[in-house]
Amino acid sequence: MSLDRIDRQILSFLQADGRMTNVELADRVGLTAPPCLRRVRALEEAGAIRGYHADLDATRLGFPITVFAMVSLRSQAEADLTAFENHVAAIPEVRECHMLNGEIDFILKIVAADLKSFQELLTTQLTPAPNVASVKTSLTIRTAKSVSGVPVPQE
């Protein structure tokens, strides 16, 4: 995807504040509102902007526990990988699922209200899932950095 300086500025500003009005965005990037909106729409249509979201505080919303689960499967056949991905997609507490290269097949980011509810999820939904060979978990002690999105180089 070819992005000019203004496109990169638009992406950077919207990533920092997705609620910014088009008029404010246009002013910051040095355009009038109509061409700025056309650029934003083009970035959305090209898939550079996938959506707009609120950044919620998990702890304040009753999910102070974050756990990373490393999952190994018995089979890495595409149908089995897809079946596992579909299984975890249906578990609301699983916030991220990444397939990995190496000994571990997937890493999951899971949020929970408390350790008991995490244990229940682990023993009733994750460990007994079809094709799961093992699950290793690590409880997050603290988060030193959590930044959504990607770096947007300005030049």
Protein backbone atom coordinates (compact mmCIF):
# COMPACT_ATOMS: atom_id res chain seq x y z
CA MET A 1 0.00 0.00 0.00
CA SER A 2 1.40 3.35 -1.01
CA LEU A 3 0.83 6.07 1.57
CA ASP A 4 1.85 9.69 1.25
CA ARG A 5 2.67 12.02 4.13
CA ILE A 6 -0.93 13.14 4.61
CA ASP A 7 -2.25 9.55 4.63
CA ARG A 8 0.31 8.65 7.31
CA GLN A 9 -0.69 11.70 9.37
CA ILE A 10 -4.38 10.78 9.06
CA LEU A 11 -3.64 7.23 10.22
CA SER A 12 -1.54 8.45 13.13
CA PHE A 13 -4.12 10.97 14.34
CA LEU A 14 -7.06 8.56 14.01
CA GLN A 15 -5.15 5.78 15.75
CA ALA A 16 -4.52 8.12 18.68
CA ASP A 17 -8.10 9.45 18.74
CA GLY A 18 -10.69 7.66 16.63
CA ARG A 19 -13.40 10.05 17.86
CA MET A 20 -11.73 13.07 16.29
CA THR A 21 -14.11 14.91 13.99
CA ASN A 22 -13.34 15.10 10.31
CA VAL A 23 -13.09 18.90 10.60
CA GLU A 24 -10.48 18.63 13.38
CA LEU A 25 -8.59 15.94 11.46
CA ALA A 26 -8.62 18.02 8.28
CA ASP A 27 -7.28 21.03 10.19
CA ARG A 28 -4.45 18.97 11.71
CA VAL A 29 -3.31 17.55 8.36
CA GLY A 30 -3.73 20.80 6.45
CA LEU A 31 -6.71 19.92 4.26
CA THR A 32 -10.28 21.08 3.97
CA ALA A 33 -12.94 18.70 5.26
CA PRO A 34 -14.18 17.15 1.95
CA PRO A 35 -10.79 15.92 0.63
CA CYS A 36 -9.84 14.74 4.12
CA LEU A 37 -13.03 12.68 4.33
CA ARG A 38 -12.35 11.23 0.87
CA ARG A 39 -8.90 10.14 2.04
CA VAL A 40 -10.28 8.57 5.23
CA ARG A 41 -12.90 6.67 3.19
CA ALA A 42 -10.20 5.50 0.74
CA LEU A 43 -8.05 4.28 3.67
CA GLU A 44 -11.07 2.42 5.07
CA GLU A 45 -11.90 0.85 1.69
CA ALA A 46 -8.26 -0.19 1.20
CA GLY A 47 -8.33 -1.94 4.58
CA ALA A 48 -5.72 0.28 6.26
CA ILE A 49 -8.42 1.35 8.74
CA ARG A 50 -10.33 -1.72 9.90
CA GLY A 51 -12.62 -0.02 12.41
CA TYR A 52 -12.99 2.33 15.33
CA HIS A 53 -13.05 1.10 18.93
CA ALA A 54 -13.19 2.34 22.49
CA ASP A 55 -10.19 1.39 24.66
CA LEU A 56 -11.85 -0.22 27.68
CA ASP A 57 -10.27 -0.70 31.11
CA ALA A 58 -10.54 -4.42 31.83
CA THR A 59 -9.94 -4.04 35.58
CA ARG A 60 -12.63 -1.39 36.03
CA LEU A 61 -15.04 -3.57 34.07
CA GLY A 62 -14.50 -6.58 36.32
CA PHE A 63 -11.69 -8.43 34.52
CA PRO A 64 -8.53 -7.78 36.58
CA ILE A 65 -6.92 -11.13 35.69
CA THR A 66 -4.99 -11.49 32.42
CA VAL A 67 -3.49 -14.85 31.52
CA PHE A 68 -1.49 -15.99 28.53
CA ALA A 69 -2.13 -19.60 27.56
CA MET A 70 0.26 -21.53 25.33
CA VAL A 71 -1.65 -24.30 23.57
CA SER A 72 -0.19 -27.32 21.78
CA LEU A 73 -2.41 -29.39 19.52
CA ARG A 74 -2.13 -33.08 18.67
CA SER A 75 -2.53 -32.36 14.95
CA GLN A 76 -1.55 -29.35 12.88
CA ALA A 77 -3.69 -30.29 9.88
CA GLU A 78 -5.44 -27.21 8.52
CA ALA A 79 -8.89 -28.52 9.46
CA ASP A 80 -7.75 -29.07 13.05
CA LEU A 81 -6.15 -25.62 13.28
CA THR A 82 -9.32 -24.01 11.93
CA ALA A 83 -11.51 -26.02 14.30
CA PHE A 84 -9.44 -24.81 17.27
CA GLU A 85 -9.56 -21.20 16.08
CA ASN A 86 -13.34 -21.44 15.72
CA HIS A 87 -13.61 -22.97 19.20
CA VAL A 88 -11.70 -20.17 20.93
CA ALA A 89 -13.45 -17.50 18.84
CA ALA A 90 -16.64 -18.47 20.67
CA ILE A 91 -15.11 -17.91 24.15
CA PRO A 92 -15.61 -14.22 25.04
CA GLU A 93 -12.80 -14.18 27.62
CA VAL A 94 -10.28 -15.14 24.93
CA ARG A 95 -9.34 -11.71 23.65
CA GLU A 96 -6.51 -12.69 21.30
CA CYS A 97 -5.48 -15.89 19.55
CA HIS A 98 -2.22 -16.11 17.62
CA MET A 99 -0.88 -19.14 15.78
CA LEU A 100 2.85 -19.55 16.41
CA ASN A 101 5.81 -21.21 14.77
CA GLY A 102 7.63 -23.67 17.00
CA GLU A 103 6.73 -26.01 19.84
CA ILE A 104 3.62 -24.08 20.84
CA ASP A 105 0.81 -23.90 18.28
CA PHE A 106 -1.21 -21.00 19.72
CA ILE A 107 -0.89 -18.29 22.32
CA LEU A 108 -4.09 -16.91 23.78
CA LYS A 109 -4.68 -13.76 25.79
CA ILE A 110 -7.46 -14.43 28.26
CA VAL A 111 -9.17 -12.10 30.73
CA ALA A 112 -11.04 -13.27 33.81
CA ALA A 113 -12.96 -11.86 36.76
CA ASP A 114 -10.92 -13.94 39.21
CA LEU A 115 -8.71 -17.02 39.40
CA LYS A 116 -11.66 -19.31 40.03
CA SER A 117 -13.43 -18.23 36.83
CA PHE A 118 -10.18 -18.58 34.87
CA GLN A 119 -9.70 -22.10 36.27
CA GLU A 120 -13.24 -22.98 35.24
CA LEU A 121 -12.65 -21.69 31.71
CA LEU A 122 -9.39 -23.63 31.55
CA THR A 123 -10.85 -26.92 32.74
CA THR A 124 -14.22 -26.80 31.00
CA GLN A 125 -13.58 -24.98 27.73
CA LEU A 126 -9.90 -24.96 26.85
CA THR A 127 -8.14 -28.10 28.05
CA PRO A 128 -10.92 -30.50 26.97
CA ALA A 129 -11.31 -28.86 23.55
CA PRO A 130 -10.91 -31.28 20.62
CA ASN A 131 -7.30 -31.85 19.54
CA VAL A 132 -5.73 -30.00 22.51
CA ALA A 133 -2.62 -31.87 23.68
CA SER A 134 -1.48 -29.44 26.40
CA VAL A 135 -2.04 -25.98 27.81
CA LYS A 136 0.58 -24.01 29.73
CA THR A 137 -0.51 -20.78 31.39
CA SER A 138 1.22 -17.70 32.73
CA LEU A 139 -0.59 -15.18 34.90
CA THR A 140 0.24 -11.55 34.19
CA ILE A 141 1.73 -9.80 37.24
CA ARG A 142 1.75 -6.33 35.71
CA THR A 143 1.66 -4.73 32.31
CA ALA A 144 4.54 -2.40 31.53
CA LYS A 145 3.33 -1.48 28.04
CA SER A 146 0.08 -1.95 26.19
CA VAL A 147 -0.26 -0.03 22.95
CA SER A 148 -2.86 -0.84 20.36
CA GLY A 149 -2.34 -0.38 16.64
CA VAL A 150 0.97 -0.13 14.84
CA PRO A 151 3.75 2.47 14.56
CA VAL A 152 3.00 4.88 11.72
CA PRO A 153 6.27 6.27 10.34
CA GLN A 154 5.89 9.91 9.31
CA GLU A 155 8.55 9.89 6.58
